[in-house]
Amino acid sequence: MDKERLRQMVLQYLGNAGDEGAKRDSIYEYLKDVLPANKTEEQQLRMLGDLLKSMKMEELIKTDGRNWFLQ
C-alpha cells in the first residue's frame, strides 16, 4: 500500500467524520486492513502517527486535542 493511497483514505475518513473529527485509534481501525501486514500493530500505529504528522505539516489536516480534522 503506497503512502498516497493511505493519505487519500485518511482524507476521505476525516471528510466523513465531519465536525466531530476522529481519533487516531478510529483512523487506525479504518486503515488497519490495508497497512503493511509484515509490521506489528505498534509499528503500524507509529507509521500512521508519522503519516498524520506529515499531513498536518502540509496543512491537509489539523488536530484539536486528540481529534483530527480536515483543514
Protein backbone atom coordinates (compact mmCIF):
# COMPACT_ATOMS: atom_id res chain seq x y z
CA MET A 1 0.00 0.00 0.00
CA ASP A 2 1.57 3.25 -1.06
CA LYS A 3 1.51 6.36 1.12
CA GLU A 4 -0.53 8.37 -1.37
CA ARG A 5 -3.36 5.83 -1.18
CA LEU A 6 -3.21 5.91 2.63
CA ARG A 7 -3.30 9.71 2.56
CA GLN A 8 -6.40 9.66 0.34
CA MET A 9 -8.09 7.17 2.68
CA VAL A 10 -7.30 9.37 5.72
CA LEU A 11 -8.72 12.43 3.94
CA GLN A 12 -11.85 10.50 2.97
CA TYR A 13 -12.32 9.18 6.51
CA LEU A 14 -11.89 12.62 8.07
CA GLY A 15 -14.25 14.08 5.49
CA ASN A 16 -16.89 11.57 6.55
CA ALA A 17 -16.18 12.27 10.24
CA GLY A 18 -17.32 15.86 9.76
CA ASP A 19 -17.20 18.42 12.57
CA GLU A 20 -16.55 15.80 15.25
CA GLY A 21 -13.25 14.72 13.71
CA ALA A 22 -11.69 11.37 14.52
CA LYS A 23 -9.19 9.97 16.99
CA ARG A 24 -6.07 8.17 15.78
CA ASP A 25 -7.44 4.85 17.08
CA SER A 26 -10.57 5.06 14.91
CA ILE A 27 -8.48 6.07 11.88
CA TYR A 28 -6.26 3.06 12.60
CA GLU A 29 -9.29 0.74 12.75
CA TYR A 30 -10.36 2.05 9.33
CA LEU A 31 -6.90 1.58 7.80
CA LYS A 32 -5.57 -1.50 9.58
CA ASP A 33 -6.54 -3.96 6.84
CA VAL A 34 -4.51 -2.03 4.25
CA LEU A 35 -1.46 -1.26 6.40
CA PRO A 36 1.61 -3.47 5.81
CA ALA A 37 0.86 -6.92 7.26
CA ASN A 38 4.55 -7.57 7.87
CA LYS A 39 4.60 -4.87 10.58
CA THR A 40 3.48 -5.28 14.18
CA GLU A 41 0.49 -3.31 15.44
CA GLU A 42 2.89 -0.96 17.26
CA GLN A 43 4.83 -0.36 14.03
CA GLN A 44 1.58 0.22 12.13
CA LEU A 45 0.43 2.76 14.76
CA ARG A 46 3.78 4.55 14.57
CA MET A 47 3.54 4.59 10.76
CA LEU A 48 0.03 6.08 10.98
CA GLY A 49 1.19 8.67 13.53
CA ASP A 50 4.04 9.70 11.23
CA LEU A 51 1.64 9.93 8.28
CA LEU A 52 -0.80 12.11 10.26
CA LYS A 53 2.03 14.40 11.42
CA SER A 54 3.36 14.84 7.89
CA MET A 55 -0.15 15.59 6.59
CA LYS A 56 -0.54 18.15 9.38
CA MET A 57 2.75 19.82 8.43
CA GLU A 58 1.47 20.02 4.84
CA GLU A 59 -1.69 21.66 6.22
CA LEU A 60 -4.00 18.98 4.81
CA ILE A 61 -5.36 18.12 8.25
CA LYS A 62 -5.30 19.65 11.73
CA THR A 63 -5.62 18.44 15.29
CA ASP A 64 -7.53 19.74 18.27
CA GLY A 65 -6.74 17.87 21.44
CA ARG A 66 -6.77 14.20 20.43
CA ASN A 67 -9.06 14.58 17.43
CA TRP A 68 -8.00 15.01 13.79
CA PHE A 69 -9.94 17.11 11.28
CA LEU A 70 -9.74 18.18 7.67
CA GLN A 71 -8.01 21.55 7.35
